C-alpha atoms as a PDB file:
ATOM      1  CA  MET A   1     -24.165  -0.224   8.017  1.00  0.00           C
ATOM      2  CA  ALA A   2     -20.795   1.151   9.059  1.00  0.00           C
ATOM      3  CA  ASP A   3     -19.777   4.691   8.150  1.00  0.00           C
ATOM      4  CA  LEU A   4     -16.676   3.278   6.413  1.00  0.00           C
ATOM      5  CA  THR A   5     -16.812   0.996   3.369  1.00  0.00           C
ATOM      6  CA  LEU A   6     -13.889  -0.751   1.689  1.00  0.00           C
ATOM      7  CA  TYR A   7     -14.204  -1.673  -1.981  1.00  0.00           C
ATOM      8  CA  THR A   8     -11.612  -4.298  -2.725  1.00  0.00           C
ATOM      9  CA  ASN A   9     -10.561  -7.535  -4.332  1.00  0.00           C
ATOM     10  CA  PRO A  10      -8.282  -9.916  -2.406  1.00  0.00           C
ATOM     11  CA  MET A  11      -6.115 -10.435  -5.491  1.00  0.00           C
ATOM     12  CA  SER A  12      -5.214  -6.767  -5.797  1.00  0.00           C
ATOM     13  CA  ARG A  13      -3.670  -3.757  -4.087  1.00  0.00           C
ATOM     14  CA  GLY A  14      -6.849  -3.810  -2.052  1.00  0.00           C
ATOM     15  CA  ARG A  15      -4.856  -5.832   0.462  1.00  0.00           C
ATOM     16  CA  ILE A  16      -2.953  -2.649   1.289  1.00  0.00           C
ATOM     17  CA  ALA A  17      -6.175  -0.770   2.005  1.00  0.00           C
ATOM     18  CA  ARG A  18      -7.571  -3.684   4.040  1.00  0.00           C
ATOM     19  CA  TRP A  19      -4.495  -3.645   6.274  1.00  0.00           C
ATOM     20  CA  MET A  20      -4.795   0.111   6.696  1.00  0.00           C
ATOM     21  CA  VAL A  21      -8.486  -0.048   7.575  1.00  0.00           C
ATOM     22  CA  GLU A  22      -7.752  -2.766  10.135  1.00  0.00           C
ATOM     23  CA  GLU A  23      -5.046  -0.570  11.685  1.00  0.00           C
ATOM     24  CA  THR A  24      -7.595   2.192  12.342  1.00  0.00           C
ATOM     25  CA  GLY A  25      -9.655  -0.118  14.543  1.00  0.00           C
ATOM     26  CA  GLN A  26     -12.865   1.268  13.009  1.00  0.00           C
ATOM     27  CA  PRO A  27     -15.869  -0.854  12.035  1.00  0.00           C
ATOM     28  CA  TYR A  28     -16.276  -1.117   8.282  1.00  0.00           C
ATOM     29  CA  ASP A  29     -18.224  -2.835   5.554  1.00  0.00           C
ATOM     30  CA  THR A  30     -16.495  -4.710   2.744  1.00  0.00           C
ATOM     31  CA  VAL A  31     -17.635  -4.820  -0.875  1.00  0.00           C
ATOM     32  CA  ILE A  32     -15.737  -7.383  -2.949  1.00  0.00           C
ATOM     33  CA  VAL A  33     -15.587  -6.194  -6.558  1.00  0.00           C
ATOM     34  CA  PRO A  34     -14.817  -8.979  -9.049  1.00  0.00           C
ATOM     35  CA  PHE A  35     -12.446  -8.290 -11.923  1.00  0.00           C
ATOM     36  CA  GLY A  36     -14.085  -7.897 -15.313  1.00  0.00           C
ATOM     37  CA  PRO A  37     -17.478  -6.351 -16.062  1.00  0.00           C
ATOM     38  CA  ALA A  38     -18.348  -5.626 -12.422  1.00  0.00           C
ATOM     39  CA  MET A  39     -15.212  -3.560 -11.860  1.00  0.00           C
ATOM     40  CA  LYS A  40     -15.802  -1.610 -15.082  1.00  0.00           C
ATOM     41  CA  SER A  41     -19.542  -1.192 -14.532  1.00  0.00           C
ATOM     42  CA  ALA A  42     -21.254   2.187 -14.329  1.00  0.00           C
ATOM     43  CA  ASP A  43     -22.150   1.504 -10.694  1.00  0.00           C
ATOM     44  CA  TYR A  44     -18.566   0.947  -9.631  1.00  0.00           C
ATOM     45  CA  ARG A  45     -17.184   3.690 -11.881  1.00  0.00           C
ATOM     46  CA  ALA A  46     -19.380   6.052  -9.869  1.00  0.00           C
ATOM     47  CA  VAL A  47     -17.104   5.137  -6.954  1.00  0.00           C
ATOM     48  CA  ASN A  48     -13.826   5.040  -8.896  1.00  0.00           C
ATOM     49  CA  PRO A  49     -13.922   6.288 -12.501  1.00  0.00           C
ATOM     50  CA  MET A  50     -10.730   4.305 -13.146  1.00  0.00           C
ATOM     51  CA  GLY A  51     -12.654   1.082 -12.631  1.00  0.00           C
ATOM     52  CA  LYS A  52      -9.990  -0.219 -10.252  1.00  0.00           C
ATOM     53  CA  VAL A  53      -9.784  -1.205  -6.608  1.00  0.00           C
ATOM     54  CA  PRO A  54      -9.285  -0.331  -3.855  1.00  0.00           C
ATOM     55  CA  ALA A  55     -11.471   2.564  -2.820  1.00  0.00           C
ATOM     56  CA  VAL A  56     -12.916   3.628   0.498  1.00  0.00           C
ATOM     57  CA  ARG A  57     -16.099   5.531   1.192  1.00  0.00           C
ATOM     58  CA  HIS A  58     -16.255   7.404   4.476  1.00  0.00           C
ATOM     59  CA  GLY A  59     -19.624   9.061   4.770  1.00  0.00           C
ATOM     60  CA  ASP A  60     -19.864  11.193   1.647  1.00  0.00           C
ATOM     61  CA  VAL A  61     -16.095  11.127   1.005  1.00  0.00           C
ATOM     62  CA  VAL A  62     -14.609   8.702  -1.522  1.00  0.00           C
ATOM     63  CA  VAL A  63     -10.854   8.130  -1.618  1.00  0.00           C
ATOM     64  CA  THR A  64      -8.974   6.064  -4.195  1.00  0.00           C
ATOM     65  CA  GLU A  65      -5.251   5.314  -4.670  1.00  0.00           C
ATOM     66  CA  CYS A  66      -3.599   3.304  -1.914  1.00  0.00           C
ATOM     67  CA  ALA A  67      -1.210   5.959  -0.661  1.00  0.00           C
ATOM     68  CA  ALA A  68      -4.044   8.490  -0.476  1.00  0.00           C
ATOM     69  CA  ILE A  69      -6.224   5.980   1.377  1.00  0.00           C
ATOM     70  CA  CYS A  70      -3.464   5.409   3.912  1.00  0.00           C
ATOM     71  CA  ALA A  71      -2.892   9.135   4.444  1.00  0.00           C
ATOM     72  CA  TYR A  72      -6.610   9.935   4.633  1.00  0.00           C
ATOM     73  CA  LEU A  73      -7.423   7.249   7.173  1.00  0.00           C
ATOM     74  CA  ALA A  74      -4.420   8.148   9.326  1.00  0.00           C
ATOM     75  CA  ASP A  75      -5.555  11.776   9.456  1.00  0.00           C
ATOM     76  CA  THR A  76      -9.243  10.956   9.906  1.00  0.00           C
ATOM     77  CA  PHE A  77      -8.703   8.609  12.846  1.00  0.00           C
ATOM     78  CA  PRO A  78      -5.876  10.247  14.843  1.00  0.00           C
ATOM     79  CA  GLU A  79      -6.610   8.096  17.877  1.00  0.00           C
ATOM     80  CA  ALA A  80      -4.964   5.191  16.002  1.00  0.00           C
ATOM     81  CA  LYS A  81      -1.692   7.192  15.999  1.00  0.00           C
ATOM     82  CA  LEU A  82      -0.804   6.214  12.428  1.00  0.00           C
ATOM     83  CA  ALA A  83       0.474   9.654  11.396  1.00  0.00           C
ATOM     84  CA  PRO A  84       3.401  11.111  13.357  1.00  0.00           C
ATOM     85  CA  PRO A  85       3.676  14.676  14.609  1.00  0.00           C
ATOM     86  CA  ASN A  86       6.159  17.113  13.149  1.00  0.00           C
ATOM     87  CA  PRO A  87       9.070  16.919  12.506  1.00  0.00           C
ATOM     88  CA  GLN A  88       8.644  13.194  11.834  1.00  0.00           C
ATOM     89  CA  ARG A  89       5.970  14.067   9.266  1.00  0.00           C
ATOM     90  CA  GLY A  90       8.772  14.837   6.825  1.00  0.00           C
ATOM     91  CA  SER A  91      10.030  11.255   6.747  1.00  0.00           C
ATOM     92  CA  TYR A  92       6.468   9.953   6.848  1.00  0.00           C
ATOM     93  CA  TYR A  93       5.453  11.828   3.705  1.00  0.00           C
ATOM     94  CA  ARG A  94       8.787  11.228   2.052  1.00  0.00           C
ATOM     95  CA  TRP A  95       8.675   7.447   2.192  1.00  0.00           C
ATOM     96  CA  LEU A  96       4.932   7.127   1.689  1.00  0.00           C
ATOM     97  CA  PHE A  97       5.186   8.944  -1.632  1.00  0.00           C
ATOM     98  CA  PHE A  98       8.548   7.459  -2.548  1.00  0.00           C
ATOM     99  CA  ALA A  99       6.823   4.077  -2.521  1.00  0.00           C
ATOM    100  CA  ALA A 100       3.843   5.434  -4.477  1.00  0.00           C
ATOM    101  CA  GLY A 101       6.096   7.004  -7.108  1.00  0.00           C
ATOM    102  CA  PRO A 102       9.659   5.823  -7.734  1.00  0.00           C
ATOM    103  CA  LEU A 103       9.313   2.399  -6.095  1.00  0.00           C
ATOM    104  CA  GLU A 104       6.103   1.324  -7.817  1.00  0.00           C
ATOM    105  CA  ALA A 105       7.212   2.719 -11.181  1.00  0.00           C
ATOM    106  CA  ALA A 106      10.631   1.060 -11.042  1.00  0.00           C
ATOM    107  CA  VAL A 107       9.237  -2.308  -9.965  1.00  0.00           C
ATOM    108  CA  SER A 108       6.444  -2.220 -12.545  1.00  0.00           C
ATOM    109  CA  ASN A 109       8.808  -1.344 -15.365  1.00  0.00           C
ATOM    110  CA  ARG A 110      11.270  -4.054 -14.350  1.00  0.00           C
ATOM    111  CA  SER A 111       8.446  -6.613 -14.170  1.00  0.00           C
ATOM    112  CA  LEU A 112       7.331  -5.624 -17.679  1.00  0.00           C
ATOM    113  CA  GLY A 113      10.858  -6.048 -19.009  1.00  0.00           C
ATOM    114  CA  PHE A 114      11.502  -2.333 -19.523  1.00  0.00           C
ATOM    115  CA  GLU A 115      14.963  -1.106 -18.608  1.00  0.00           C
ATOM    116  CA  VAL A 116      15.797   2.580 -18.706  1.00  0.00           C
ATOM    117  CA  PRO A 117      18.806   3.211 -20.984  1.00  0.00           C
ATOM    118  CA  ASP A 118      21.661   4.817 -19.079  1.00  0.00           C
ATOM    119  CA  GLU A 119      21.503   7.946 -21.219  1.00  0.00           C
ATOM    120  CA  ARG A 120      17.763   8.377 -20.456  1.00  0.00           C
ATOM    121  CA  ARG A 121      17.840   8.066 -16.675  1.00  0.00           C
ATOM    122  CA  ARG A 122      17.483  11.814 -16.228  1.00  0.00           C
ATOM    123  CA  MET A 123      14.086  11.573 -17.943  1.00  0.00           C
ATOM    124  CA  ILE A 124      12.731   9.030 -15.449  1.00  0.00           C
ATOM    125  CA  GLY A 125      11.750  10.101 -11.958  1.00  0.00           C
ATOM    126  CA  TYR A 126      13.288   7.044 -10.339  1.00  0.00           C
ATOM    127  CA  GLY A 127      16.573   7.114 -12.280  1.00  0.00           C
ATOM    128  CA  SER A 128      17.378   3.412 -12.136  1.00  0.00           C
ATOM    129  CA  PHE A 129      16.071   0.265 -10.482  1.00  0.00           C
ATOM    130  CA  GLU A 130      19.352  -0.088  -8.599  1.00  0.00           C
ATOM    131  CA  ASP A 131      19.059   3.434  -7.167  1.00  0.00           C
ATOM    132  CA  VAL A 132      15.537   2.670  -5.980  1.00  0.00           C
ATOM    133  CA  MET A 133      16.572  -0.571  -4.270  1.00  0.00           C
ATOM    134  CA  ASP A 134      19.494   1.104  -2.510  1.00  0.00           C
ATOM    135  CA  THR A 135      17.296   3.985  -1.372  1.00  0.00           C
ATOM    136  CA  LEU A 136      14.591   1.618  -0.152  1.00  0.00           C
ATOM    137  CA  GLU A 137      17.167  -0.315   1.841  1.00  0.00           C
ATOM    138  CA  MET A 138      18.317   2.885   3.496  1.00  0.00           C
ATOM    139  CA  ALA A 139      14.716   3.843   4.290  1.00  0.00           C
ATOM    140  CA  VAL A 140      13.908   0.596   6.097  1.00  0.00           C
ATOM    141  CA  SER A 141      17.180   0.132   7.935  1.00  0.00           C
ATOM    142  CA  THR A 142      17.978   3.600   9.323  1.00  0.00           C
ATOM    143  CA  ASN A 143      15.272   3.317  12.002  1.00  0.00           C
ATOM    144  CA  PRO A 144      12.929   0.538  13.098  1.00  0.00           C
ATOM    145  CA  PHE A 145      10.200   2.128  10.955  1.00  0.00           C
ATOM    146  CA  VAL A 146      10.358   4.465   7.975  1.00  0.00           C
ATOM    147  CA  ALA A 147       9.261   7.572   9.892  1.00  0.00           C
ATOM    148  CA  GLY A 148      11.380   6.825  12.953  1.00  0.00           C
ATOM    149  CA  GLN A 149      10.761   4.808  16.086  1.00  0.00           C
ATOM    150  CA  ALA A 150       7.007   4.315  15.718  1.00  0.00           C
ATOM    151  CA  PHE A 151       4.882   2.409  13.203  1.00  0.00           C
ATOM    152  CA  THR A 152       2.810   4.621  10.878  1.00  0.00           C
ATOM    153  CA  ALA A 153       0.587   4.422   7.828  1.00  0.00           C
ATOM    154  CA  ALA A 154       3.719   4.802   5.712  1.00  0.00           C
ATOM    155  CA  ASP A 155       4.825   1.400   6.996  1.00  0.00           C
ATOM    156  CA  VAL A 156       1.536  -0.110   5.828  1.00  0.00           C
ATOM    157  CA  TYR A 157       2.249   1.122   2.326  1.00  0.00           C
ATOM    158  CA  VAL A 158       5.997   0.500   2.167  1.00  0.00           C
ATOM    159  CA  GLY A 159       5.653  -2.824   3.968  1.00  0.00           C
ATOM    160  CA  SER A 160       2.966  -3.989   1.544  1.00  0.00           C
ATOM    161  CA  HIS A 161       5.188  -3.259  -1.443  1.00  0.00           C
ATOM    162  CA  ILE A 162       8.074  -5.142   0.121  1.00  0.00           C
ATOM    163  CA  ALA A 163       5.847  -8.093   1.061  1.00  0.00           C
ATOM    164  CA  TRP A 164       4.510  -8.329  -2.481  1.00  0.00           C
ATOM    165  CA  GLY A 165       7.932  -7.864  -4.037  1.00  0.00           C
ATOM    166  CA  LEU A 166       9.617 -10.525  -1.927  1.00  0.00           C
ATOM    167  CA  GLN A 167       6.782 -12.974  -2.538  1.00  0.00           C
ATOM    168  CA  PHE A 168       6.801 -12.589  -6.303  1.00  0.00           C
ATOM    169  CA  GLY A 169      10.455 -11.752  -6.860  1.00  0.00           C
ATOM    170  CA  SER A 170       9.883  -8.244  -8.170  1.00  0.00           C
ATOM    171  CA  ILE A 171      12.291  -6.665  -5.689  1.00  0.00           C
ATOM    172  CA  GLU A 172      15.725  -7.863  -4.705  1.00  0.00           C
ATOM    173  CA  LYS A 173      16.005 -10.260  -1.792  1.00  0.00           C
ATOM    174  CA  ARG A 174      17.987  -8.238   0.721  1.00  0.00           C
ATOM    175  CA  GLN A 175      18.273  -8.993   4.412  1.00  0.00           C
ATOM    176  CA  ALA A 176      17.221  -5.452   5.314  1.00  0.00           C
ATOM    177  CA  PHE A 177      13.939  -5.953   3.465  1.00  0.00           C
ATOM    178  CA  ALA A 178      13.251  -9.291   5.160  1.00  0.00           C
ATOM    179  CA  ASP A 179      14.057  -7.853   8.597  1.00  0.00           C
ATOM    180  CA  TYR A 180      11.801  -4.837   8.056  1.00  0.00           C
ATOM    181  CA  LEU A 181       8.954  -6.981   6.790  1.00  0.00           C
ATOM    182  CA  ALA A 182       9.215  -9.163   9.883  1.00  0.00           C
ATOM    183  CA  ARG A 183       8.839  -6.058  12.057  1.00  0.00           C
ATOM    184  CA  VAL A 184       5.821  -4.574  10.295  1.00  0.00           C
ATOM    185  CA  SER A 185       3.962  -7.830   9.665  1.00  0.00           C
ATOM    186  CA  ASP A 186       4.105  -8.838  13.320  1.00  0.00           C
ATOM    187  CA  ARG A 187       0.995  -6.798  14.052  1.00  0.00           C
ATOM    188  CA  PRO A 188      -2.534  -7.959  14.888  1.00  0.00           C
ATOM    189  CA  ALA A 189      -4.042  -5.721  12.192  1.00  0.00           C
ATOM    190  CA  PHE A 190      -1.800  -7.256   9.523  1.00  0.00           C
ATOM    191  CA  GLN A 191      -2.767 -10.755  10.621  1.00  0.00           C
ATOM    192  CA  ARG A 192      -6.484  -9.924  10.657  1.00  0.00           C
ATOM    193  CA  ALA A 193      -6.299  -8.324   7.224  1.00  0.00           C
ATOM    194  CA  ARG A 194      -4.454 -11.281   5.732  1.00  0.00           C
ATOM    195  CA  GLU A 195      -6.908 -13.776   7.195  1.00  0.00           C
ATOM    196  CA  LYS A 196      -9.907 -11.856   5.845  1.00  0.00           C
ATOM    197  CA  ASP A 197      -8.408 -11.442   2.389  1.00  0.00           C
ATOM    198  CA  ASP A 198      -7.295 -15.059   2.223  1.00  0.00           C
ATOM    199  CA  ALA A 199     -10.812 -16.156   3.154  1.00  0.00           C
ATOM    200  CA  ALA A 200     -12.324 -13.837   0.552  1.00  0.00           C
ATOM    201  CA  ALA A 201      -9.939 -15.167  -2.100  1.00  0.00           C
ATOM    202  CA  ALA A 202     -10.871 -18.751  -1.249  1.00  0.00           C
ATOM    203  CA  ALA A 203     -14.565 -17.918  -1.466  1.00  0.00           C
ATOM    204  CA  MET A 204     -14.077 -16.544  -4.991  1.00  0.00           C
ATOM    205  CA  GLN A 205     -12.593 -19.767  -6.311  1.00  0.00           C
ATOM    206  CA  PRO A 206     -14.936 -21.760  -8.596  1.00  0.00           C
END
């Protein structure tokens, strides 16, 4: 057994974690957790009390939440060079957690049909969907990658959100997003992760 285990489902945010694990270059085991009773079972809730995927177990350490998984693995396997040194760490953390907070909240609310009234924007961390899209465009077009000149774990997370959003129409189709996605998805680890998840998804079909 490998020291690293990925708990995932190919039809979930687990694809983000799979990409990140592949970027580390470390051997790992995969546990596919079906939706429904298995994901809410006592056995899996011992891994993630939320009863959701993904999660990673590294030795005795369990990490959930995609942004945390990305940050943890980047720090744990520095030889993969997925976390930049200072001062680039500022942009790295900024955009990693921008995607985990304002971006995901704004996209989820828009997908659910919830629009923040203009007079209530100060109550919402992301302000407005339009502000989030404009900020995201700035983040992915100022430099080749969100933390600067080099690819990092933040690009795994931001790139995954953009890939999902462009595929399903939950973010605006802007050329800057398409160009950035082309840059980050042209990586062997991304291709390996997609192939493994696509195969796992096919195997789950009745």
